[in-house]
Amino acid sequence: MGLQGCCGCMGLKDGSRAIGITYIVLSVLASVYYTWKLIEFSQGEFGPAWPVYTYGTGLGMCLIEIVFHGLLILGIKRSSRGLVLAWLIFHGIIDIIQSAGVVVLIALGAVYGVPLLYLYAAVSAALMALVWYWFAVVLAHYKELKTGDGFEYQQHAMEKK
């Protein structure tokens, strides 16, 4: 069966598009949250004791994510391997960092013996499994795309002439 039937009745292209849209929606919601926290901080309502640069960094990261998720959707629409590859590289790096964070969370739970950390780690690990599955769906769609669809590879350009 593989990843072809991965998204129910959707193919890889539709599944990848749905993944891109889901990520954009989540990034926009996170951006609204970080913007709200920055506004709250600027008005003197400090909320949790997090430094303001945490909210600014979160907002900046969300905006970068929105750009890359937009590249994914555009790449799927244009069948452009280059745009999809940009998303795969970006998201691969982010997913590796987040997966390392889950491992650190498990280690902290073991070191400090705090059962709540294990719960956080279990939920985080389940979410990371979903994220890696989505990554695999987009990667399968990327492999399905034909080469030379927007990029002029040297050999492909020479064959055209």
C-alpha atoms as a PDB file:
ATOM      1  CA  MET A   1       0.000   0.000   0.000  1.00  0.00           C
ATOM      2  CA  GLY A   2       2.793   2.446   0.871  1.00  0.00           C
ATOM      3  CA  LEU A   3       2.084   6.141   1.064  1.00  0.00           C
ATOM      4  CA  GLN A   4      -0.105   6.174  -2.055  1.00  0.00           C
ATOM      5  CA  GLY A   5      -3.237   5.617   0.018  1.00  0.00           C
ATOM      6  CA  CYS A   6      -1.868   7.618   2.934  1.00  0.00           C
ATOM      7  CA  CYS A   7      -4.483  10.324   3.181  1.00  0.00           C
ATOM      8  CA  GLY A   8      -7.652   8.280   2.921  1.00  0.00           C
ATOM      9  CA  CYS A   9      -9.043   8.766  -0.551  1.00  0.00           C
ATOM     10  CA  MET A  10      -6.564  11.551  -1.372  1.00  0.00           C
ATOM     11  CA  GLY A  11      -3.523  11.047  -3.536  1.00  0.00           C
ATOM     12  CA  LEU A  12      -0.095  12.294  -2.632  1.00  0.00           C
ATOM     13  CA  LYS A  13      -0.649  15.637  -4.346  1.00  0.00           C
ATOM     14  CA  ASP A  14      -3.911  16.391  -2.538  1.00  0.00           C
ATOM     15  CA  GLY A  15      -2.521  15.059   0.734  1.00  0.00           C
ATOM     16  CA  SER A  16       0.564  17.265   0.413  1.00  0.00           C
ATOM     17  CA  ARG A  17      -1.620  20.280  -0.341  1.00  0.00           C
ATOM     18  CA  ALA A  18      -3.782  19.535   2.722  1.00  0.00           C
ATOM     19  CA  ILE A  19      -0.622  19.259   4.829  1.00  0.00           C
ATOM     20  CA  GLY A  20       0.616  22.635   3.553  1.00  0.00           C
ATOM     21  CA  ILE A  21      -2.725  24.295   4.273  1.00  0.00           C
ATOM     22  CA  THR A  22      -2.871  22.759   7.757  1.00  0.00           C
ATOM     23  CA  TYR A  23       0.625  24.028   8.526  1.00  0.00           C
ATOM     24  CA  ILE A  24      -0.224  27.529   7.274  1.00  0.00           C
ATOM     25  CA  VAL A  25      -3.350  27.670   9.446  1.00  0.00           C
ATOM     26  CA  LEU A  26      -1.388  26.521  12.514  1.00  0.00           C
ATOM     27  CA  SER A  27       1.401  29.029  11.811  1.00  0.00           C
ATOM     28  CA  VAL A  28      -1.078  31.886  11.400  1.00  0.00           C
ATOM     29  CA  LEU A  29      -2.769  30.966  14.687  1.00  0.00           C
ATOM     30  CA  ALA A  30       0.608  30.849  16.435  1.00  0.00           C
ATOM     31  CA  SER A  31       1.511  34.224  14.873  1.00  0.00           C
ATOM     32  CA  VAL A  32      -1.688  35.738  16.263  1.00  0.00           C
ATOM     33  CA  TYR A  33      -0.812  34.356  19.702  1.00  0.00           C
ATOM     34  CA  TYR A  34       2.746  35.743  19.638  1.00  0.00           C
ATOM     35  CA  THR A  35       1.521  39.106  18.352  1.00  0.00           C
ATOM     36  CA  TRP A  36      -1.048  39.233  21.158  1.00  0.00           C
ATOM     37  CA  LYS A  37       1.645  38.432  23.737  1.00  0.00           C
ATOM     38  CA  LEU A  38       3.946  41.137  22.327  1.00  0.00           C
ATOM     39  CA  ILE A  39       1.128  43.698  22.457  1.00  0.00           C
ATOM     40  CA  GLU A  40       0.302  42.607  26.012  1.00  0.00           C
ATOM     41  CA  PHE A  41       3.974  42.933  26.967  1.00  0.00           C
ATOM     42  CA  SER A  42       4.247  46.401  25.415  1.00  0.00           C
ATOM     43  CA  GLN A  43       1.247  47.570  27.455  1.00  0.00           C
ATOM     44  CA  GLY A  44       2.863  46.464  30.681  1.00  0.00           C
ATOM     45  CA  GLU A  45       0.674  43.378  31.182  1.00  0.00           C
ATOM     46  CA  PHE A  46       3.492  40.897  31.497  1.00  0.00           C
ATOM     47  CA  GLY A  47       1.620  37.586  31.712  1.00  0.00           C
ATOM     48  CA  PRO A  48       4.029  34.671  32.203  1.00  0.00           C
ATOM     49  CA  ALA A  49       7.607  35.482  33.130  1.00  0.00           C
ATOM     50  CA  TRP A  50       8.971  34.897  29.629  1.00  0.00           C
ATOM     51  CA  PRO A  51      11.364  37.447  28.182  1.00  0.00           C
ATOM     52  CA  VAL A  52       9.966  39.524  25.333  1.00  0.00           C
ATOM     53  CA  TYR A  53      12.544  38.152  22.875  1.00  0.00           C
ATOM     54  CA  THR A  54      10.920  34.731  23.250  1.00  0.00           C
ATOM     55  CA  TYR A  55       7.685  36.091  21.812  1.00  0.00           C
ATOM     56  CA  GLY A  56       9.521  38.045  19.119  1.00  0.00           C
ATOM     57  CA  THR A  57      11.525  34.990  18.095  1.00  0.00           C
ATOM     58  CA  GLY A  58       8.365  32.879  18.053  1.00  0.00           C
ATOM     59  CA  LEU A  59       6.607  35.409  15.837  1.00  0.00           C
ATOM     60  CA  GLY A  60       9.591  35.620  13.488  1.00  0.00           C
ATOM     61  CA  MET A  61       9.776  31.853  13.222  1.00  0.00           C
ATOM     62  CA  CYS A  62       6.047  31.637  12.483  1.00  0.00           C
ATOM     63  CA  LEU A  63       6.408  34.176   9.672  1.00  0.00           C
ATOM     64  CA  ILE A  64       9.306  32.195   8.172  1.00  0.00           C
ATOM     65  CA  GLU A  65       7.213  29.025   8.427  1.00  0.00           C
ATOM     66  CA  ILE A  66       4.303  30.701   6.637  1.00  0.00           C
ATOM     67  CA  VAL A  67       6.652  31.564   3.759  1.00  0.00           C
ATOM     68  CA  PHE A  68       7.938  27.991   3.467  1.00  0.00           C
ATOM     69  CA  HIS A  69       4.458  26.459   3.757  1.00  0.00           C
ATOM     70  CA  GLY A  70       3.366  28.853   1.018  1.00  0.00           C
ATOM     71  CA  LEU A  71       6.288  27.610  -1.083  1.00  0.00           C
ATOM     72  CA  LEU A  72       5.061  24.061  -0.553  1.00  0.00           C
ATOM     73  CA  ILE A  73       1.549  24.895  -1.731  1.00  0.00           C
ATOM     74  CA  LEU A  74       2.883  26.872  -4.698  1.00  0.00           C
ATOM     75  CA  GLY A  75       5.297  24.051  -5.539  1.00  0.00           C
ATOM     76  CA  ILE A  76       2.447  21.551  -5.515  1.00  0.00           C
ATOM     77  CA  LYS A  77       0.289  23.799  -7.701  1.00  0.00           C
ATOM     78  CA  ARG A  78       3.107  24.334 -10.231  1.00  0.00           C
ATOM     79  CA  SER A  79       4.505  20.799  -9.881  1.00  0.00           C
ATOM     80  CA  SER A  80       7.840  22.401  -9.029  1.00  0.00           C
ATOM     81  CA  ARG A  81      10.338  20.062  -7.405  1.00  0.00           C
ATOM     82  CA  GLY A  82      12.528  23.028  -6.402  1.00  0.00           C
ATOM     83  CA  LEU A  83       9.826  24.696  -4.309  1.00  0.00           C
ATOM     84  CA  VAL A  84       8.822  21.423  -2.674  1.00  0.00           C
ATOM     85  CA  LEU A  85      12.509  20.658  -2.008  1.00  0.00           C
ATOM     86  CA  ALA A  86      12.913  24.004  -0.227  1.00  0.00           C
ATOM     87  CA  TRP A  87      10.079  23.039   2.113  1.00  0.00           C
ATOM     88  CA  LEU A  88      11.529  19.557   2.638  1.00  0.00           C
ATOM     89  CA  ILE A  89      14.933  20.948   3.610  1.00  0.00           C
ATOM     90  CA  PHE A  90      13.470  23.594   5.927  1.00  0.00           C
ATOM     91  CA  HIS A  91      11.025  21.223   7.552  1.00  0.00           C
ATOM     92  CA  GLY A  92      13.588  18.442   7.826  1.00  0.00           C
ATOM     93  CA  ILE A  93      15.848  20.708   9.870  1.00  0.00           C
ATOM     94  CA  ILE A  94      12.956  21.888  12.067  1.00  0.00           C
ATOM     95  CA  ASP A  95      11.680  18.335  12.577  1.00  0.00           C
ATOM     96  CA  ILE A  96      15.126  17.081  13.609  1.00  0.00           C
ATOM     97  CA  ILE A  97      15.434  19.884  16.176  1.00  0.00           C
ATOM     98  CA  GLN A  98      11.954  19.190  17.537  1.00  0.00           C
ATOM     99  CA  SER A  99      12.635  15.446  17.715  1.00  0.00           C
ATOM    100  CA  ALA A 100      15.810  16.158  19.682  1.00  0.00           C
ATOM    101  CA  GLY A 101      13.669  18.250  22.031  1.00  0.00           C
ATOM    102  CA  VAL A 102      11.435  15.240  22.687  1.00  0.00           C
ATOM    103  CA  VAL A 103      14.498  13.136  23.527  1.00  0.00           C
ATOM    104  CA  VAL A 104      15.700  15.858  25.914  1.00  0.00           C
ATOM    105  CA  LEU A 105      12.252  15.954  27.529  1.00  0.00           C
ATOM    106  CA  ILE A 106      12.376  12.193  28.126  1.00  0.00           C
ATOM    107  CA  ALA A 107      15.890  12.521  29.585  1.00  0.00           C
ATOM    108  CA  LEU A 108      14.776  15.334  31.896  1.00  0.00           C
ATOM    109  CA  GLY A 109      11.884  13.192  33.073  1.00  0.00           C
ATOM    110  CA  ALA A 110      14.310  10.366  33.852  1.00  0.00           C
ATOM    111  CA  VAL A 111      16.818  12.631  35.608  1.00  0.00           C
ATOM    112  CA  TYR A 112      14.337  14.568  37.721  1.00  0.00           C
ATOM    113  CA  GLY A 113      11.741  11.813  38.126  1.00  0.00           C
ATOM    114  CA  VAL A 114       8.837  14.115  37.277  1.00  0.00           C
ATOM    115  CA  PRO A 115       5.948  12.019  35.909  1.00  0.00           C
ATOM    116  CA  LEU A 116       4.358  15.042  34.220  1.00  0.00           C
ATOM    117  CA  LEU A 117       7.418  15.331  31.971  1.00  0.00           C
ATOM    118  CA  TYR A 118       6.730  11.800  30.740  1.00  0.00           C
ATOM    119  CA  LEU A 119       3.197  12.845  29.815  1.00  0.00           C
ATOM    120  CA  TYR A 120       4.532  15.866  27.932  1.00  0.00           C
ATOM    121  CA  ALA A 121       7.107  13.637  26.242  1.00  0.00           C
ATOM    122  CA  ALA A 122       4.462  11.071  25.230  1.00  0.00           C
ATOM    123  CA  VAL A 123       2.180  13.729  23.722  1.00  0.00           C
ATOM    124  CA  SER A 124       5.155  15.402  22.008  1.00  0.00           C
ATOM    125  CA  ALA A 125       6.370  12.073  20.626  1.00  0.00           C
ATOM    126  CA  ALA A 126       2.907  11.308  19.225  1.00  0.00           C
ATOM    127  CA  LEU A 127       2.787  14.725  17.554  1.00  0.00           C
ATOM    128  CA  MET A 128       6.303  14.246  16.156  1.00  0.00           C
ATOM    129  CA  ALA A 129       5.244  10.880  14.716  1.00  0.00           C
ATOM    130  CA  LEU A 130       2.452  12.699  12.871  1.00  0.00           C
ATOM    131  CA  VAL A 131       4.849  15.420  11.707  1.00  0.00           C
ATOM    132  CA  TRP A 132       7.318  12.834  10.359  1.00  0.00           C
ATOM    133  CA  TYR A 133       4.467  11.001   8.619  1.00  0.00           C
ATOM    134  CA  TRP A 134       3.414  14.239   6.934  1.00  0.00           C
ATOM    135  CA  PHE A 135       7.034  14.820   5.955  1.00  0.00           C
ATOM    136  CA  ALA A 136       7.095  11.332   4.384  1.00  0.00           C
ATOM    137  CA  VAL A 137       3.905  12.100   2.423  1.00  0.00           C
ATOM    138  CA  VAL A 138       5.393  15.305   0.977  1.00  0.00           C
ATOM    139  CA  LEU A 139       8.684  13.503   0.274  1.00  0.00           C
ATOM    140  CA  ALA A 140       6.802  10.770  -1.599  1.00  0.00           C
ATOM    141  CA  HIS A 141       5.007  13.441  -3.643  1.00  0.00           C
ATOM    142  CA  TYR A 142       8.354  15.126  -4.334  1.00  0.00           C
ATOM    143  CA  LYS A 143       9.763  11.852  -5.647  1.00  0.00           C
ATOM    144  CA  GLU A 144       6.662  11.443  -7.793  1.00  0.00           C
ATOM    145  CA  LEU A 145       7.219  14.778  -9.567  1.00  0.00           C
ATOM    146  CA  LYS A 146       9.114  14.740 -12.833  1.00  0.00           C
ATOM    147  CA  THR A 147      12.601  16.221 -12.945  1.00  0.00           C
ATOM    148  CA  GLY A 148      13.303  19.480 -14.717  1.00  0.00           C
ATOM    149  CA  ASP A 149       9.921  21.070 -13.995  1.00  0.00           C
ATOM    150  CA  GLY A 150      11.034  24.591 -13.309  1.00  0.00           C
ATOM    151  CA  PHE A 151      14.738  24.104 -12.894  1.00  0.00           C
ATOM    152  CA  GLU A 152      16.945  23.893 -15.930  1.00  0.00           C
ATOM    153  CA  TYR A 153      19.310  21.107 -15.056  1.00  0.00           C
ATOM    154  CA  GLN A 154      22.413  21.079 -17.254  1.00  0.00           C
ATOM    155  CA  GLN A 155      21.691  17.743 -18.922  1.00  0.00           C
ATOM    156  CA  HIS A 156      17.991  18.532 -19.291  1.00  0.00           C
ATOM    157  CA  ALA A 157      18.790  21.924 -20.868  1.00  0.00           C
ATOM    158  CA  MET A 158      21.229  20.316 -23.303  1.00  0.00           C
ATOM    159  CA  GLU A 159      18.603  17.745 -24.373  1.00  0.00           C
ATOM    160  CA  LYS A 160      16.156  20.549 -25.211  1.00  0.00           C
ATOM    161  CA  LYS A 161      18.558  22.066 -27.727  1.00  0.00           C
END
